[in-house]
Structures are given as structure tokens and as C-alpha cells.
C-alpha atoms as a PDB file:
ATOM      1  CA  UNK A   1     -19.993   6.173  -2.213  1.00  0.00           C
ATOM      2  CA  UNK A   2     -21.135   7.742   1.059  1.00  0.00           C
ATOM      3  CA  UNK A   3     -19.700   5.912   4.079  1.00  0.00           C
ATOM      4  CA  UNK A   4     -23.148   5.213   5.509  1.00  0.00           C
ATOM      5  CA  UNK A   5     -23.958   3.070   2.454  1.00  0.00           C
ATOM      6  CA  UNK A   6     -21.156   0.679   3.375  1.00  0.00           C
ATOM      7  CA  UNK A   7     -22.732  -0.457   6.646  1.00  0.00           C
ATOM      8  CA  UNK A   8     -26.114  -0.898   4.983  1.00  0.00           C
ATOM      9  CA  UNK A   9     -24.645  -2.916   2.110  1.00  0.00           C
ATOM     10  CA  UNK A  10     -22.550  -5.001   4.490  1.00  0.00           C
ATOM     11  CA  UNK A  11     -25.402  -5.893   6.834  1.00  0.00           C
ATOM     12  CA  UNK A  12     -28.417  -5.930   4.521  1.00  0.00           C
ATOM     13  CA  UNK A  13     -27.085  -6.085   0.980  1.00  0.00           C
ATOM     14  CA  UNK A  14     -26.729  -9.856   0.696  1.00  0.00           C
ATOM     15  CA  UNK A  15     -23.148  -9.484  -0.553  1.00  0.00           C
ATOM     16  CA  UNK A  16     -20.167 -11.608   0.366  1.00  0.00           C
ATOM     17  CA  UNK A  17     -17.656  -8.925  -0.648  1.00  0.00           C
ATOM     18  CA  UNK A  18     -17.680  -5.168  -1.075  1.00  0.00           C
ATOM     19  CA  UNK A  19     -14.592  -3.860  -2.860  1.00  0.00           C
ATOM     20  CA  UNK A  20     -13.790  -0.166  -2.410  1.00  0.00           C
ATOM     21  CA  UNK A  21     -10.889   1.746  -3.904  1.00  0.00           C
ATOM     22  CA  UNK A  22     -10.341   4.186  -1.072  1.00  0.00           C
ATOM     23  CA  UNK A  23      -7.372   6.060  -2.453  1.00  0.00           C
ATOM     24  CA  UNK A  24      -5.849   6.446  -5.915  1.00  0.00           C
ATOM     25  CA  UNK A  25      -2.155   6.998  -6.598  1.00  0.00           C
ATOM     26  CA  UNK A  26      -2.344   8.938  -9.885  1.00  0.00           C
ATOM     27  CA  UNK A  27      -0.668   6.038 -11.744  1.00  0.00           C
ATOM     28  CA  UNK A  28       2.469   6.233  -9.587  1.00  0.00           C
ATOM     29  CA  UNK A  29       3.965   3.114  -7.975  1.00  0.00           C
ATOM     30  CA  UNK A  30       3.876   4.656  -4.491  1.00  0.00           C
ATOM     31  CA  UNK A  31       1.669   7.116  -2.622  1.00  0.00           C
ATOM     32  CA  UNK A  32       1.470   8.945   0.677  1.00  0.00           C
ATOM     33  CA  UNK A  33      -2.029  10.102   1.693  1.00  0.00           C
ATOM     34  CA  UNK A  34      -3.166  13.601   2.548  1.00  0.00           C
ATOM     35  CA  UNK A  35      -4.772  14.393   5.905  1.00  0.00           C
ATOM     36  CA  UNK A  36      -8.300  13.549   4.686  1.00  0.00           C
ATOM     37  CA  UNK A  37      -7.251  10.318   2.930  1.00  0.00           C
ATOM     38  CA  UNK A  38      -7.935   7.478   2.699  1.00  0.00           C
ATOM     39  CA  UNK A  39     -11.616   7.157   3.486  1.00  0.00           C
ATOM     40  CA  UNK A  40     -11.945   3.598   4.803  1.00  0.00           C
ATOM     41  CA  UNK A  41     -15.221   2.516   6.450  1.00  0.00           C
ATOM     42  CA  UNK A  42     -14.854   1.511  10.112  1.00  0.00           C
ATOM     43  CA  UNK A  43     -16.449  -1.882   9.384  1.00  0.00           C
ATOM     44  CA  UNK A  44     -13.833  -2.808   6.783  1.00  0.00           C
ATOM     45  CA  UNK A  45     -12.638  -6.376   7.456  1.00  0.00           C
ATOM     46  CA  UNK A  46      -9.653  -6.426   5.090  1.00  0.00           C
ATOM     47  CA  UNK A  47      -7.521  -3.608   3.728  1.00  0.00           C
ATOM     48  CA  UNK A  48      -5.091  -4.191   0.866  1.00  0.00           C
ATOM     49  CA  UNK A  49      -2.355  -1.572   0.614  1.00  0.00           C
ATOM     50  CA  UNK A  50      -0.838  -1.546  -2.898  1.00  0.00           C
ATOM     51  CA  UNK A  51       2.572  -0.377  -4.094  1.00  0.00           C
ATOM     52  CA  UNK A  52       4.783  -1.006  -7.118  1.00  0.00           C
ATOM     53  CA  UNK A  53       8.262  -2.439  -6.569  1.00  0.00           C
ATOM     54  CA  UNK A  54       9.600  -0.373  -9.473  1.00  0.00           C
ATOM     55  CA  UNK A  55       9.758   2.630  -7.107  1.00  0.00           C
ATOM     56  CA  UNK A  56      12.775   1.114  -5.296  1.00  0.00           C
ATOM     57  CA  UNK A  57      15.949   2.967  -6.208  1.00  0.00           C
ATOM     58  CA  UNK A  58      14.039   5.769  -7.923  1.00  0.00           C
ATOM     59  CA  UNK A  59      14.145   9.364  -6.681  1.00  0.00           C
ATOM     60  CA  UNK A  60      11.573  10.586  -4.177  1.00  0.00           C
ATOM     61  CA  UNK A  61       9.957  12.879  -6.746  1.00  0.00           C
ATOM     62  CA  UNK A  62       6.444  13.343  -8.162  1.00  0.00           C
ATOM     63  CA  UNK A  63       7.399  11.236 -11.195  1.00  0.00           C
ATOM     64  CA  UNK A  64       7.616   8.157  -8.954  1.00  0.00           C
ATOM     65  CA  UNK A  65       5.807   8.981  -5.717  1.00  0.00           C
ATOM     66  CA  UNK A  66       2.365  10.565  -5.570  1.00  0.00           C
ATOM     67  CA  UNK A  67       2.722  13.324  -2.970  1.00  0.00           C
ATOM     68  CA  UNK A  68       6.507  13.019  -2.815  1.00  0.00           C
ATOM     69  CA  UNK A  69       6.817  16.354  -1.009  1.00  0.00           C
ATOM     70  CA  UNK A  70       4.510  15.102   1.757  1.00  0.00           C
ATOM     71  CA  UNK A  71       6.536  11.895   2.059  1.00  0.00           C
ATOM     72  CA  UNK A  72       9.749  13.903   2.404  1.00  0.00           C
ATOM     73  CA  UNK A  73       8.166  16.201   4.996  1.00  0.00           C
ATOM     74  CA  UNK A  74       6.797  13.299   7.069  1.00  0.00           C
ATOM     75  CA  UNK A  75      10.251  11.735   7.237  1.00  0.00           C
ATOM     76  CA  UNK A  76      12.308  14.909   7.466  1.00  0.00           C
ATOM     77  CA  UNK A  77      14.328  14.055   4.350  1.00  0.00           C
ATOM     78  CA  UNK A  78      15.180  15.933   1.183  1.00  0.00           C
ATOM     79  CA  UNK A  79      13.008  15.353  -1.886  1.00  0.00           C
ATOM     80  CA  UNK A  80      14.889  13.473  -4.578  1.00  0.00           C
ATOM     81  CA  UNK A  81      16.710  10.990  -2.342  1.00  0.00           C
ATOM     82  CA  UNK A  82      16.499   7.369  -3.542  1.00  0.00           C
ATOM     83  CA  UNK A  83      13.482   5.367  -2.394  1.00  0.00           C
ATOM     84  CA  UNK A  84      14.798   2.486  -0.278  1.00  0.00           C
ATOM     85  CA  UNK A  85      13.289  -0.328   1.780  1.00  0.00           C
ATOM     86  CA  UNK A  86      13.999   1.746   4.894  1.00  0.00           C
ATOM     87  CA  UNK A  87      12.180   4.791   3.524  1.00  0.00           C
ATOM     88  CA  UNK A  88       9.136   2.654   2.645  1.00  0.00           C
ATOM     89  CA  UNK A  89       9.146   0.994   6.081  1.00  0.00           C
ATOM     90  CA  UNK A  90       9.318   4.381   7.782  1.00  0.00           C
ATOM     91  CA  UNK A  91       6.353   5.606   5.714  1.00  0.00           C
ATOM     92  CA  UNK A  92       4.363   2.475   6.542  1.00  0.00           C
ATOM     93  CA  UNK A  93       5.116   2.846  10.268  1.00  0.00           C
ATOM     94  CA  UNK A  94       4.491   6.607  10.377  1.00  0.00           C
ATOM     95  CA  UNK A  95       1.059   7.386  11.912  1.00  0.00           C
ATOM     96  CA  UNK A  96       0.391   9.816   9.026  1.00  0.00           C
ATOM     97  CA  UNK A  97       1.879   7.500   6.406  1.00  0.00           C
ATOM     98  CA  UNK A  98       0.727   4.672   4.191  1.00  0.00           C
ATOM     99  CA  UNK A  99      -1.503   2.789   6.659  1.00  0.00           C
ATOM    100  CA  UNK A 100      -3.179   5.891   8.067  1.00  0.00           C
ATOM    101  CA  UNK A 101      -6.942   5.677   8.429  1.00  0.00           C
ATOM    102  CA  UNK A 102      -7.193   1.892   8.356  1.00  0.00           C
ATOM    103  CA  UNK A 103      -9.577   0.666  11.059  1.00  0.00           C
ATOM    104  CA  UNK A 104      -7.764  -1.164  13.893  1.00  0.00           C
ATOM    105  CA  UNK A 105      -9.812  -4.359  13.418  1.00  0.00           C
ATOM    106  CA  UNK A 106      -9.180  -4.523   9.670  1.00  0.00           C
ATOM    107  CA  UNK A 107      -6.674  -7.154   8.504  1.00  0.00           C
ATOM    108  CA  UNK A 108      -3.811  -5.469   6.682  1.00  0.00           C
ATOM    109  CA  UNK A 109      -2.353  -7.040   3.550  1.00  0.00           C
ATOM    110  CA  UNK A 110       0.335  -5.503   1.349  1.00  0.00           C
ATOM    111  CA  UNK A 111       0.217  -6.160  -2.375  1.00  0.00           C
ATOM    112  CA  UNK A 112       3.569  -5.449  -4.004  1.00  0.00           C
ATOM    113  CA  UNK A 113       2.947  -5.264  -7.742  1.00  0.00           C
ATOM    114  CA  UNK A 114       5.204  -4.800 -10.797  1.00  0.00           C
ATOM    115  CA  UNK A 115       7.529  -7.663  -9.842  1.00  0.00           C
ATOM    116  CA  UNK A 116       7.988  -8.539 -13.502  1.00  0.00           C
ATOM    117  CA  UNK A 117      11.528  -9.951 -13.402  1.00  0.00           C
ATOM    118  CA  UNK A 118      13.287 -12.425 -11.089  1.00  0.00           C
ATOM    119  CA  UNK A 119      15.329  -9.536  -9.644  1.00  0.00           C
ATOM    120  CA  UNK A 120      12.167  -7.531  -8.896  1.00  0.00           C
ATOM    121  CA  UNK A 121      10.536 -10.578  -7.263  1.00  0.00           C
ATOM    122  CA  UNK A 122      13.649 -10.943  -5.072  1.00  0.00           C
ATOM    123  CA  UNK A 123      13.520  -7.240  -4.074  1.00  0.00           C
ATOM    124  CA  UNK A 124       9.779  -7.451  -3.383  1.00  0.00           C
ATOM    125  CA  UNK A 125      10.258 -10.582  -1.284  1.00  0.00           C
ATOM    126  CA  UNK A 126      12.957  -8.930   0.841  1.00  0.00           C
ATOM    127  CA  UNK A 127      10.776  -5.849   1.365  1.00  0.00           C
ATOM    128  CA  UNK A 128       7.716  -8.006   2.045  1.00  0.00           C
ATOM    129  CA  UNK A 129       9.440  -9.882   4.861  1.00  0.00           C
ATOM    130  CA  UNK A 130      10.324  -6.559   6.492  1.00  0.00           C
ATOM    131  CA  UNK A 131       6.744  -5.298   6.118  1.00  0.00           C
ATOM    132  CA  UNK A 132       5.469  -8.196   8.234  1.00  0.00           C
ATOM    133  CA  UNK A 133       6.996  -6.436  11.233  1.00  0.00           C
ATOM    134  CA  UNK A 134       4.969  -3.270  10.567  1.00  0.00           C
ATOM    135  CA  UNK A 135       1.453  -4.458  11.361  1.00  0.00           C
ATOM    136  CA  UNK A 136       0.940  -6.119   7.997  1.00  0.00           C
ATOM    137  CA  UNK A 137      -0.241  -9.728   8.273  1.00  0.00           C
ATOM    138  CA  UNK A 138       0.374 -10.922   4.739  1.00  0.00           C
ATOM    139  CA  UNK A 139       2.251  -9.792   1.640  1.00  0.00           C
ATOM    140  CA  UNK A 140       1.272 -10.793  -1.882  1.00  0.00           C
ATOM    141  CA  UNK A 141       3.836 -10.223  -4.626  1.00  0.00           C
ATOM    142  CA  UNK A 142       2.474  -9.937  -8.145  1.00  0.00           C
ATOM    143  CA  UNK A 143       3.578  -9.267 -11.694  1.00  0.00           C
ATOM    144  CA  UNK A 144       1.827  -6.673 -13.794  1.00  0.00           C
ATOM    145  CA  UNK A 145       2.977  -8.149 -17.111  1.00  0.00           C
ATOM    146  CA  UNK A 146       2.918 -11.917 -16.659  1.00  0.00           C
ATOM    147  CA  UNK A 147      -0.074 -14.220 -17.078  1.00  0.00           C
ATOM    148  CA  UNK A 148       0.505 -16.044 -13.774  1.00  0.00           C
ATOM    149  CA  UNK A 149       0.451 -12.849 -11.751  1.00  0.00           C
ATOM    150  CA  UNK A 150       0.960 -14.121  -8.180  1.00  0.00           C
ATOM    151  CA  UNK A 151       4.670 -14.708  -7.641  1.00  0.00           C
ATOM    152  CA  UNK A 152       4.817 -15.201  -3.870  1.00  0.00           C
ATOM    153  CA  UNK A 153       2.666 -14.983  -0.747  1.00  0.00           C
ATOM    154  CA  UNK A 154       4.416 -14.221   2.546  1.00  0.00           C
ATOM    155  CA  UNK A 155       2.668 -14.664   5.893  1.00  0.00           C
ATOM    156  CA  UNK A 156       3.706 -14.317   9.516  1.00  0.00           C
END
């Protein structure tokens, strides 16, 4: 959708919500954007950044992280190191990292998906609390496999 359509739809379209997927992750649980990504309209009121908790402990490789080489380069680390809370936080805080391109006035919410076991919910909760210090206002933890998908909501 051309960006100019967004403003027209928002102001004259008679819609309460406009949902835009601004950036795909090639079915990986984590992604780092390229220079021209994501394309988020300036008038966006709410941005939901999505990641899968199953990436924790996995190697920083293309099997687990879309654009793993870019992530490693942004942080000055070797590809293949384990993905940790610290690595994710550094990528969220990096100006060219995960929250790049989000308009300053847009509320930022993190959705941590794939918390399908009690242990994964616990890991997601610990990471979510740390993310609140990175400009994210709310964290929603969800399961991909369970019927009652929302496991926890963390706010400042």
C-alpha cells in the first residue's frame, strides 16, 4: 500500500483501525531490518513489534534470525553466538535495530509469541520486564499453540 493512502484512509476512510504488516520475518522468530525497512506511516498511533521467544538460546544464524549477519554486524559480535536477553535488548536499543523507523509519537508494544510452555512464559516474562526500559510501553506474551493465547500482559 502506498504510504499516502494511509493518511487518506485514517482521516477520511471511516475506519477505527488500519492494520499494516510493515515488515515480514521470513518465518523466523526474530528479525533485524535492512536500511529501507520497516515502512511505517508517520501517523501510526500504535506499533506492535513481534518476536518469538523460541529464539532465546539459539545460535545467531539465518535458521533462527532473519538477517542474522546484519544483527551480528550491528552489535559487533560473531555470527553463531547464542541469542540472549542482552543481545535482544541491544538490538532493540540500537538506532538501526528492531525499533528503527517507528514514528516517535507511536505507542510501542512488544508481542512475545511462542510462549507455549510454562518455562517459555517465564523466559518471556523476564525479557518483557527488561524491554519496558527500552522505550516499549507494554509487553504482551502469547502462545502460538494454546487456545487461550494471551499468557501475560506487562505494563510500566
